[in-house]
Structures are given as C-alpha cells and as structure tokens.
Protein backbone atom coordinates (compact mmCIF):
# COMPACT_ATOMS: atom_id res chain seq x y z
CA MET A 1 121.64 127.66 59.21
CA LYS A 2 121.29 131.28 60.32
CA TYR A 3 117.98 133.07 60.82
CA LEU A 4 116.75 136.47 61.99
CA LEU A 5 114.09 135.64 64.56
CA PHE A 6 110.46 136.73 64.59
CA LEU A 7 107.27 135.53 66.27
CA CYS A 8 106.57 131.97 65.18
CA PHE A 9 103.02 130.66 64.66
CA THR A 10 103.87 127.40 62.89
CA PRO A 11 106.19 124.88 64.55
CA CYS A 12 109.75 124.85 63.24
CA ILE A 13 109.23 127.89 60.97
CA VAL A 14 111.16 130.99 61.92
CA PHE A 15 110.04 134.21 60.28
CA SER A 16 112.28 137.14 59.51
CA GLN A 17 112.15 140.71 60.74
CA LEU A 18 114.69 142.03 58.20
CA ARG A 19 111.98 144.33 56.80
CA THR A 20 113.08 147.80 57.87
CA LYS A 21 112.94 150.68 55.44
CA ASP A 22 116.10 151.62 53.57
CA ASP A 23 117.04 155.19 54.59
CA GLU A 24 118.35 155.96 51.11
CA ILE A 25 115.04 155.00 49.51
CA ARG A 26 113.09 156.92 52.14
CA LYS A 27 115.12 159.97 51.19
CA TYR A 28 114.31 159.53 47.50
CA VAL A 29 110.61 159.26 48.31
CA SER A 30 110.71 162.42 50.42
CA GLU A 31 112.27 164.36 47.54
CA VAL A 32 109.35 163.81 45.14
CA ASN A 33 107.82 167.24 44.69
CA SER A 34 104.28 168.18 43.60
CA ASP A 35 105.42 171.58 42.30
CA SER A 36 108.06 169.96 40.13
CA LEU A 37 105.47 167.60 38.66
CA GLN A 38 103.05 170.46 38.04
CA SER A 39 105.75 172.50 36.32
CA CYS A 40 106.48 169.58 33.96
CA ILE A 41 102.84 169.15 33.02
CA LYS A 42 102.40 172.89 32.44
CA LYS A 43 105.35 172.84 30.04
CA LEU A 44 104.10 169.74 28.19
CA VAL A 45 100.69 171.34 27.71
CA SER A 46 102.33 174.48 26.28
CA PHE A 47 103.35 172.64 23.09
CA ASN A 48 99.70 172.84 21.92
CA THR A 49 99.73 169.27 20.62
CA ARG A 50 102.13 166.38 21.04
CA HIS A 51 100.43 164.23 18.42
CA THR A 52 102.87 161.74 16.88
CA LEU A 53 102.10 163.03 13.36
CA SER A 54 102.48 166.70 14.33
CA VAL A 55 105.40 168.90 13.28
CA THR A 56 108.96 168.02 14.28
CA ASP A 57 110.70 171.18 13.01
CA ASP A 58 108.95 173.85 15.13
CA GLN A 59 110.80 175.00 18.25
CA ASN A 60 107.66 175.80 20.22
CA LYS A 61 104.88 173.40 19.24
CA GLY A 62 104.34 169.81 18.22
CA ILE A 63 105.93 166.48 19.08
CA GLY A 64 109.40 167.60 17.93
CA ALA A 65 109.54 170.52 20.35
CA ALA A 66 108.14 168.36 23.16
CA ARG A 67 110.67 165.58 22.78
CA ASN A 68 113.53 168.07 22.54
CA TRP A 69 112.39 169.63 25.80
CA VAL A 70 112.25 166.22 27.52
CA LEU A 71 115.76 165.50 26.27
CA SER A 72 116.92 168.86 27.66
CA LYS A 73 115.50 167.97 31.09
CA PHE A 74 117.22 164.58 31.00
CA LYS A 75 120.52 166.26 30.08
CA GLU A 76 120.11 168.83 32.85
CA TYR A 77 119.81 166.11 35.49
CA ALA A 78 122.42 163.86 33.86
CA LYS A 79 125.05 166.41 34.95
CA TYR A 80 124.67 165.07 38.50
CA SER A 81 125.26 161.42 37.55
CA ASP A 82 129.06 161.51 37.57
CA GLY A 83 129.07 160.61 33.90
CA ARG A 84 126.97 157.46 34.28
CA MET A 85 123.79 158.78 32.61
CA GLU A 86 123.59 158.75 28.82
CA VAL A 87 120.82 160.77 27.15
CA TYR A 88 119.75 160.18 23.56
CA LEU A 89 116.83 160.10 21.14
CA GLN A 90 115.98 156.69 19.73
CA GLN A 91 114.42 157.49 16.37
CA GLN A 92 113.28 155.91 13.15
CA ASP A 93 111.39 157.05 10.05
CA ILE A 94 108.24 154.97 9.76
CA GLN A 95 106.11 154.54 6.66
CA PRO A 96 102.33 154.98 6.31
CA ASP A 97 100.50 151.86 7.49
CA GLY A 98 96.99 152.48 6.20
CA LYS A 99 95.73 152.63 9.78
CA ARG A 100 96.91 155.37 12.15
CA VAL A 101 99.95 156.61 10.22
CA ASP A 102 99.19 158.36 6.93
CA GLN A 103 102.56 159.99 6.19
CA VAL A 104 106.26 159.27 6.58
CA THR A 105 106.88 160.10 10.23
CA ASN A 106 110.01 160.50 12.33
CA LEU A 107 109.29 158.49 15.46
CA GLY A 108 111.41 159.45 18.47
CA ASN A 109 111.74 158.18 22.06
CA PRO A 110 113.66 160.44 24.50
CA ILE A 111 115.76 158.13 26.69
CA ALA A 112 117.97 158.54 29.76
CA TYR A 113 120.11 155.50 30.55
CA LEU A 114 121.60 155.36 34.07
CA LYS A 115 124.38 152.81 33.91
CA GLY A 116 124.85 150.46 36.85
CA THR A 117 128.05 150.53 38.89
CA ASP A 118 128.70 146.77 38.57
CA PRO A 119 129.93 146.01 35.03
CA ASN A 120 129.02 142.35 35.52
CA ASP A 121 125.44 143.10 36.51
CA LYS A 122 123.42 143.14 33.28
CA ARG A 123 120.01 143.76 34.84
CA VAL A 124 117.91 146.62 33.46
CA PHE A 125 114.85 148.20 35.07
CA LEU A 126 112.70 150.55 33.00
CA ILE A 127 110.20 153.30 33.79
CA SER A 128 108.06 154.86 31.06
CA GLY A 129 105.21 157.16 30.12
CA HIS A 130 104.04 158.21 26.67
CA LEU A 131 104.78 161.67 25.31
CA ASP A 132 102.18 161.91 22.55
CA SER A 133 98.68 163.32 23.00
CA ARG A 134 95.44 163.28 21.03
CA VAL A 135 91.88 164.64 20.78
CA THR A 136 88.65 162.93 19.70
CA ASP A 137 89.87 162.17 16.17
CA VAL A 138 93.00 160.05 16.54
CA MET A 139 94.32 161.43 13.21
CA ASN A 140 93.87 165.12 14.17
CA ARG A 141 97.44 166.41 14.52
CA THR A 142 96.78 170.18 14.66
CA SER A 143 94.06 170.87 17.24
CA PHE A 144 94.91 171.76 20.84
CA ALA A 145 95.62 168.42 22.54
CA PRO A 146 96.94 169.25 26.03
CA GLY A 147 97.36 165.66 27.22
CA ALA A 148 97.85 166.80 30.81
CA ASN A 149 96.89 163.47 32.34
CA ASP A 150 97.11 161.23 29.24
CA ASP A 151 99.98 161.05 29.47
CA GLY A 152 101.60 164.22 30.78
CA SER A 153 101.20 162.70 34.24
CA GLY A 154 103.25 159.62 33.27
CA VAL A 155 105.95 161.65 31.52
CA SER A 156 106.21 164.04 34.47
CA ALA A 157 106.72 161.01 36.73
CA VAL A 158 109.54 159.79 34.46
CA ILE A 159 111.22 163.22 34.48
CA GLU A 160 110.84 163.46 38.26
CA ALA A 161 112.37 160.00 38.63
CA VAL A 162 115.38 161.16 36.60
CA ARG A 163 115.70 164.26 38.79
CA VAL A 164 115.57 162.30 42.04
CA LEU A 165 117.63 159.26 41.03
CA SER A 166 120.29 160.88 38.81
CA LYS A 167 122.78 161.07 41.69
CA SER A 168 122.24 157.47 42.75
CA ALA A 169 124.72 154.63 42.30
CA PHE A 170 122.96 151.32 41.83
CA PRO A 171 124.66 148.07 40.79
CA ALA A 172 121.98 147.54 38.10
CA SER A 173 120.98 149.92 35.31
CA VAL A 174 117.81 152.01 35.00
CA ILE A 175 116.23 153.29 31.77
CA PHE A 176 113.88 156.28 31.77
CA VAL A 177 111.87 156.75 28.55
CA ALA A 178 109.05 158.88 27.15
CA PHE A 179 107.50 156.91 24.30
CA SER A 180 106.09 158.50 21.17
CA GLY A 181 103.39 156.86 19.06
CA GLU A 182 101.35 155.29 21.86
CA GLU A 183 98.07 156.66 20.55
CA GLN A 184 98.98 155.51 17.02
CA SER A 185 99.23 151.84 18.14
CA LEU A 186 102.13 151.66 20.62
CA LEU A 187 104.71 152.48 17.95
CA GLY A 188 107.49 153.88 20.16
CA SER A 189 107.35 151.12 22.74
CA LYS A 190 107.34 148.46 20.01
CA MET A 191 110.47 150.07 18.57
CA LEU A 192 112.34 149.88 21.89
CA ALA A 193 110.99 146.48 22.96
CA GLU A 194 111.98 144.89 19.66
CA LYS A 195 115.46 146.42 19.93
CA ALA A 196 115.79 145.09 23.48
CA LYS A 197 114.78 141.59 22.40
CA LYS A 198 117.07 141.60 19.38
CA GLU A 199 120.05 142.73 21.48
CA ASN A 200 119.24 140.39 24.41
CA TRP A 201 118.80 143.11 27.01
CA GLN A 202 118.19 141.66 30.47
CA ILE A 203 115.09 143.72 31.26
CA GLU A 204 113.62 142.42 34.51
CA ALA A 205 110.89 145.01 35.07
CA VAL A 206 108.99 147.62 33.07
CA LEU A 207 106.90 150.15 35.02
CA ASN A 208 104.64 151.84 32.50
CA ASN A 209 102.79 154.87 33.83
CA ASP A 210 99.75 155.89 31.81
CA MET A 211 97.30 158.33 33.43
CA ILE A 212 98.31 158.51 37.08
CA GLY A 213 97.02 161.98 38.04
CA ASN A 214 93.19 161.93 37.95
CA THR A 215 91.08 161.14 41.03
CA LYS A 216 87.50 161.77 39.85
CA SER A 217 85.10 159.43 38.07
CA GLY A 218 83.34 161.09 35.13
CA GLU A 219 80.01 159.30 35.59
CA THR A 220 79.51 159.60 39.36
CA ASN A 221 81.90 162.38 40.46
CA GLU A 222 83.26 159.99 43.08
CA THR A 223 86.89 160.64 43.96
CA ASN A 224 89.65 158.29 45.01
CA ASP A 225 93.12 159.60 45.81
CA ARG A 226 94.11 156.58 47.89
CA VAL A 227 94.36 153.73 45.34
CA LEU A 228 96.79 153.10 42.47
CA ARG A 229 95.96 150.24 40.11
CA VAL A 230 98.60 147.90 38.71
CA PHE A 231 97.55 145.79 35.72
CA SER A 232 99.52 142.60 35.07
CA GLU A 233 99.13 139.51 32.91
CA GLY A 234 98.86 136.12 34.59
CA LEU A 235 99.66 133.65 31.83
CA PRO A 236 102.66 134.77 29.76
CA TYR A 237 101.76 136.01 26.29
CA ALA A 238 105.20 135.12 24.94
CA GLU A 239 105.71 131.41 24.18
CA LEU A 240 102.63 130.35 26.14
CA ASP A 241 102.31 127.23 23.99
CA LYS A 242 105.70 126.03 25.25
CA LYS A 243 104.97 126.85 28.91
CA ALA A 244 101.29 125.96 29.24
CA MET A 245 101.69 122.31 30.30
CA SER A 246 104.13 123.15 33.08
CA ILE A 247 101.99 126.06 34.28
CA ARG A 248 98.94 123.80 34.43
CA ASN A 249 100.72 120.93 36.18
CA LEU A 250 102.24 123.17 38.85
CA GLY A 251 99.20 125.42 39.34
CA LEU A 252 101.10 128.59 38.44
CA GLU A 253 98.37 130.37 36.47
CA ASN A 254 98.75 133.34 38.82
CA ASP A 255 102.54 133.43 38.95
CA GLY A 256 103.90 134.82 35.71
CA ASN A 257 106.81 137.23 35.87
CA SER A 258 104.60 140.27 35.35
CA ARG A 259 102.31 139.17 38.17
CA GLN A 260 105.34 138.74 40.45
CA LEU A 261 106.42 142.27 39.53
CA ALA A 262 102.95 143.58 40.40
CA ARG A 263 103.15 141.95 43.85
CA TYR A 264 106.57 143.49 44.34
CA ILE A 265 105.20 146.95 43.49
CA LYS A 266 102.39 146.52 45.99
CA GLU A 267 104.71 145.47 48.80
CA VAL A 268 107.39 148.11 48.23
CA GLY A 269 104.97 150.90 47.28
CA GLU A 270 102.82 150.50 50.37
CA LYS A 271 105.92 150.17 52.52
CA TYR A 272 107.35 153.56 51.53
CA VAL A 273 104.35 155.70 50.51
CA LYS A 274 101.76 156.66 53.09
CA ASN A 275 98.01 156.75 52.52
CA LEU A 276 98.10 154.75 49.32
CA GLU A 277 96.90 151.25 48.47
CA VAL A 278 98.33 149.48 45.45
CA LYS A 279 95.47 147.50 43.94
CA LEU A 280 96.43 144.44 41.89
CA ILE A 281 94.27 144.08 38.79
CA TYR A 282 94.48 140.59 37.29
CA ARG A 283 94.35 141.69 33.66
CA ASN A 284 97.05 142.85 31.29
CA ASP A 285 95.07 146.04 30.61
CA ARG A 286 91.60 147.59 30.56
CA PHE A 287 88.80 146.64 28.17
CA LEU A 288 89.00 148.22 24.69
CA ARG A 289 92.31 149.91 25.55
CA GLY A 290 96.04 149.30 25.39
CA GLY A 291 99.30 150.56 26.86
CA ASP A 292 103.02 150.57 26.13
CA HIS A 293 103.75 147.81 28.64
CA SER A 294 102.08 145.38 26.24
CA SER A 295 104.87 145.86 23.70
CA PHE A 296 107.30 144.47 26.28
CA VAL A 297 104.94 141.72 27.46
CA ASN A 298 104.59 140.59 23.85
CA ASN A 299 108.37 140.33 23.59
CA GLY A 300 108.71 138.28 26.76
CA PHE A 301 109.69 140.97 29.28
CA PRO A 302 107.97 141.42 32.68
CA ALA A 303 105.89 144.60 32.35
CA VAL A 304 102.91 146.20 34.09
CA ARG A 305 100.70 149.25 33.73
CA LEU A 306 100.34 151.68 36.65
CA THR A 307 97.22 153.84 36.41
CA GLU A 308 94.76 155.82 38.49
CA TYR A 309 91.78 154.13 40.14
CA TYR A 310 89.14 156.14 38.29
CA GLU A 311 89.30 157.22 34.66
CA ASN A 312 87.40 160.32 33.56
CA TYR A 313 86.36 159.81 29.95
CA ASP A 314 85.17 163.43 29.67
CA GLN A 315 88.80 164.49 29.95
CA GLN A 316 90.67 161.87 27.91
CA HIS A 317 90.62 161.57 24.10
CA GLN A 318 88.34 164.61 23.88
CA ASP A 319 88.31 167.85 21.89
CA VAL A 320 88.76 170.74 24.31
CA ARG A 321 85.34 172.40 24.51
CA LYS A 322 82.41 173.34 26.71
CA GLU A 323 78.98 171.82 26.22
CA ASN A 324 75.99 172.71 28.40
CA GLY A 325 78.36 174.32 30.86
CA LYS A 326 80.51 171.19 31.13
CA GLN A 327 84.23 171.30 30.37
CA TYR A 328 85.70 168.56 28.19
CA GLY A 329 89.36 167.94 27.44
CA ASP A 330 92.53 166.73 29.12
CA LEU A 331 93.42 169.98 30.89
CA PRO A 332 95.92 170.48 33.75
CA GLU A 333 93.29 171.83 36.15
CA PHE A 334 91.88 168.31 36.45
CA ILE A 335 95.12 166.87 37.85
CA ASP A 336 95.40 166.08 41.57
CA TYR A 337 99.08 166.85 42.12
CA ASN A 338 99.32 165.31 45.57
CA TYR A 339 97.92 162.05 44.19
CA LEU A 340 100.38 162.28 41.30
CA ARG A 341 103.18 162.84 43.83
CA LYS A 342 102.28 159.65 45.72
CA ASN A 343 102.06 157.58 42.54
CA THR A 344 105.42 158.93 41.34
CA ALA A 345 106.94 158.10 44.71
CA VAL A 346 105.78 154.48 44.34
CA ASN A 347 107.68 154.24 41.06
CA ILE A 348 110.84 155.72 42.54
CA ALA A 349 110.74 153.47 45.63
CA VAL A 350 110.27 150.37 43.47
CA LEU A 351 112.97 151.31 40.97
CA ALA A 352 115.48 152.06 43.73
CA SER A 353 114.63 148.86 45.61
CA LEU A 354 115.04 146.74 42.48
CA ALA A 355 118.24 148.44 41.30
CA LYS A 356 119.84 148.24 44.78
CA SER A 357 118.89 144.60 45.31
CA PRO A 358 121.14 141.63 44.54
CA PRO A 359 120.36 139.64 41.38
CA LYS A 360 117.86 136.81 41.66
CA PRO A 361 119.04 133.38 42.88
CA GLU A 362 119.83 130.86 40.15
CA LYS A 363 118.40 127.38 39.50
CA VAL A 364 115.70 127.52 42.17
CA GLU A 365 114.17 124.04 42.46
CA ILE A 366 111.65 122.12 44.55
CA GLU A 367 112.04 118.44 45.44
CA VAL A 368 109.08 116.25 44.48
CA LYS A 369 110.63 112.77 44.39
CA GLU A 370 108.94 111.70 47.65
CA LEU A 371 105.42 111.91 49.08
CA THR A 372 105.91 114.09 52.16
CA ASN A 373 104.09 116.80 54.10
CA SER A 374 107.22 118.91 54.10
CA THR A 375 108.86 120.84 51.27
CA THR A 376 112.53 121.07 50.34
CA LEU A 377 113.88 123.89 48.17
CA HIS A 378 117.41 124.52 46.94
CA TRP A 379 119.06 127.12 44.74
CA GLU A 380 122.38 128.61 43.68
CA LYS A 381 123.95 131.99 44.30
CA PRO A 382 123.36 134.66 41.65
CA LYS A 383 126.14 134.98 39.13
CA THR A 384 126.99 138.50 40.28
CA GLY A 385 126.63 140.45 43.50
CA ARG A 386 126.91 139.31 47.09
CA PRO A 387 123.55 138.62 48.75
CA PHE A 388 123.41 138.85 52.51
CA GLY A 389 120.97 135.96 52.39
CA TYR A 390 117.72 134.72 50.90
CA TYR A 391 114.02 134.80 51.63
CA VAL A 392 111.86 131.79 51.01
CA LEU A 393 108.38 133.17 50.32
CA VAL A 394 105.23 131.27 51.18
CA ARG A 395 101.56 131.76 50.35
CA GLU A 396 98.49 129.61 50.17
CA THR A 397 97.48 128.82 46.61
CA ASP A 398 94.43 131.12 46.76
CA SER A 399 96.24 134.09 48.32
CA PRO A 400 96.94 137.09 46.05
CA VAL A 401 100.09 138.09 47.96
CA TRP A 402 102.98 136.44 49.77
CA GLN A 403 101.97 135.68 53.37
CA LYS A 404 105.20 134.55 55.04
CA ARG A 405 108.92 134.79 54.45
CA ILE A 406 111.73 132.77 55.97
CA PHE A 407 115.28 134.10 56.02
CA THR A 408 118.30 131.89 55.56
CA GLN A 409 121.91 132.27 54.54
CA ASP A 410 122.06 128.69 53.26
CA LEU A 411 121.31 127.53 49.71
CA SER A 412 118.59 125.07 50.69
CA LEU A 413 115.72 124.88 53.13
CA LYS A 414 113.32 122.20 54.35
CA ILE A 415 109.97 123.59 55.45
CA PRO A 416 107.26 121.67 57.39
CA LEU A 417 104.57 122.80 54.94
CA SER A 418 103.10 120.66 52.19
CA LYS A 419 104.01 121.63 48.64
CA ASP A 420 100.47 120.59 47.71
CA ASN A 421 98.97 123.38 49.84
CA TYR A 422 101.32 126.31 49.19
CA ILE A 423 103.15 128.26 46.52
CA PHE A 424 106.84 128.97 47.21
CA ALA A 425 109.46 131.31 45.80
CA VAL A 426 112.98 132.46 46.65
CA GLN A 427 114.50 135.93 46.45
CA SER A 428 117.93 137.38 47.27
CA VAL A 429 118.28 140.09 49.91
CA ASN A 430 121.09 142.51 50.78
CA GLU A 431 122.05 143.90 54.18
CA SER A 432 119.82 146.96 53.81
CA GLY A 433 116.78 144.74 53.19
CA ASN A 434 116.39 145.30 49.45
CA VAL A 435 115.09 142.16 47.77
CA SER A 436 115.23 140.83 44.25
CA LEU A 437 112.15 139.80 42.34
CA PRO A 438 110.94 136.34 43.47
CA VAL A 439 111.79 133.17 41.55
CA ILE A 440 109.22 130.37 41.44
CA PRO A 441 110.98 126.99 41.71
CA GLY A 442 111.15 124.48 38.92
CA ILE A 443 111.01 120.74 39.50
CA ALA A 444 114.32 119.26 40.69
CA LYS A 445 115.73 116.56 38.45
C-alpha cells in the first residue's frame, strides 16, 4: 500500500499532502476579467428587456435579440476550441398555461457544448445563469427591465467561463447555458433537464448562478464582498421514498449528491480564489423563491445555486424609478465587478477541477459484518480514465466538511476509526491533484 506522507495525529493513519494547486487551473482563474464581465452586463442591459414573453424578431431589443447575442459570443469563443465546441439554440414553442405564459411563446436556451477528449468518458458538468429579466409585474414584457444582477451577473459568468475555458481539453464534457423562462416558472431549465433525463445524460454537477454581483443589503446598507452562498438540498427530492430507509439507517441526511457537490465547491473555490469564503447553506433555495437548479434536482441530477451573500430587494424585480430620492431597479451601477470576478473564478476553478478529474470510483462499500472499532472500505476502479490513486475522506458525523483524507493506490483500506463515529467517502485523484466528486459507501454484501 502506497501513501504520500503527512503529519499524523491518529495512530496508524497517514494523511496525504497531494493538495497542491494545479497550474492550469490557476491560470484559468487569473484570466477572469472584471472588464470583460462588465462589458457583458452592459450589452445585456442594452436590450431594454429580456422578458421571456418579449419580442423575438427585433434585432436590437427583447429576448430574441439577447439570445442571439449570447449565441454570437459563444460562437466567437468556440473558434478556439479546435472544433470541440458546438453552439446551438435549444428551442420549443410553448402554449399559454393560464399562469405566467399568456401567449404562444418561442422558448430558447443558448447553449455551448464543449465535448470531452475521452470518447468513453460520458460525464457532463454544467454551468448556467438565466437570460430573462423582469420588473415588478411578472407579466410586463415591454417596460425597461435591465436585469443587470438578476441575472445578467450569472449570464456574464457563463460567457466568461466559455471565453476562458474554450481552449481547454478536458476528458469530460462541459455545458454552458443561458436559460430563458426562469421568471416565468423555470421553463427553460425544465426543458433542458427533462431532455437530459429522457436521453440519460450523465450530468454529475450543475452550477447555477443566479445573482452573484451585488454586495449591499437593502435594509441595512451593510456590504459583504467576501462571502458566496451555495444552496444545496440534503435529502434527495427525486425518489426519496425509495431511498429514505437507507438514508435514515446510515445517518446520511446530510450527504446527498447535491450536498457533496456544495462541499466540493467550497473546498476548490477557497483553494483557488483569494479573499472569498464559500458559505454552505443547508437548503435547496431561499424562502418564497426558486432557481433553475431545482429543475435538475427534481429530475435526479446533483445541482446547487450559487448566489451573493446579501440580496437587495430594492434592485431586483422592481420597476426602474426614483422615489423620495431613492433609486429602484436592477441597474448595472449596483454591481460590484470585483466581487463578480471572484464568484466567476470559483465557477471556473470548480468546472476545470471536475472536468480534469478522473471519474468516480465504482461500487464503493463499507464492511459491517463484524462489531469492530475499525472500518474497512473497498471499491473498484472507474470504468474509464486512469486514476493516480484514491482519497478516503473522513469526517465526524456532525462536521459540515471533510476533515481528513487518506491517500492510497490500493482498492481497499482498513482504518482504525469506528464506522459508528464517522462518515466516510472515496474519491479518485489524478497526478495533478484533481479529485472526483466523493462517493459515500453502500453496505457490503
């Protein structure tokens, strides 16, 4: 059994120091540019409104012009992908629903698909923001609805990710998408999530960015440019009835796939981006609100929402106006572009780390046939890729994050820690230190 050695606090456990930063990912992070993000938001605001029910046949205003511009940016950067990036508009005519759609509407999601270099690696990682905007009346499709932060900030992060990562060559695939119809009940994300489920896409992570550029609280004027929130479900929405007994018996209420993704974002984001804390929020989303990640959660895919620490309700979902000297409306002057740069960099670091990593180990299991104060885990190699080795992750049951990791190149490990006192997981790692998402063990038969 081979280990990379580190300071040992518990007898017989050897901790790994294979935690250095990947130079390629550091380069990607350094290329994220505030001016580029600001230019994107300025252009998005120029379309007057991006309401889902607005015009699609005007070259300069409305949702049609906005989505065509996003497609043009995707195509511009796709030229640097050596033919591996496909750009297209996923679209569908939807009928009035008696709720937030009152006319036949052409729904369209601009998509850039960066194909992985390994044809046997079917993993897909997805980054998103929503293109549509709104004012106070959710059905008002003509008034000026700048949507600079909600969600011009998320779309600008997606476009910047395409710009930075278009030249990359990852074994896994990455999808970049700007959803339409979010404000009209998550219509665009439902359209793509349902397609992905029907076609059995292997989506392992969805990073949904919705409002990631504001730093000021509307009520108190407090500012926070140092914290990015990540919302994630604990118990899986999809097929919970089938999984509930096992979750209860094993004490895994805090270990759903979306929660594991959130932990991964925290670890990688804080590793590569300075002066930023990734705050894990143990909820799928905020009270009285919703986001496009939920469409994927509902279809069984790991998905999270990335969003600013403070929300300013004077700027979002508001008619642009001044009252008693106070400015209302989602205008670009309220964006903190350095904060937006850091939050975009987190997305890019996480996407690159995931897409560069080996696939997850297969058939991870924990032995429970004997009453012991030690724990034995075993697993199989992933079906594709060549991991350099594996990390066994360890945390106490009440810890929000992984506390220890043990490196091995074997396919099993016996640890002198009681399975009754700890949660364990296993992840694959490559030679540059990029790790897969963790896999919680099942019970060995």
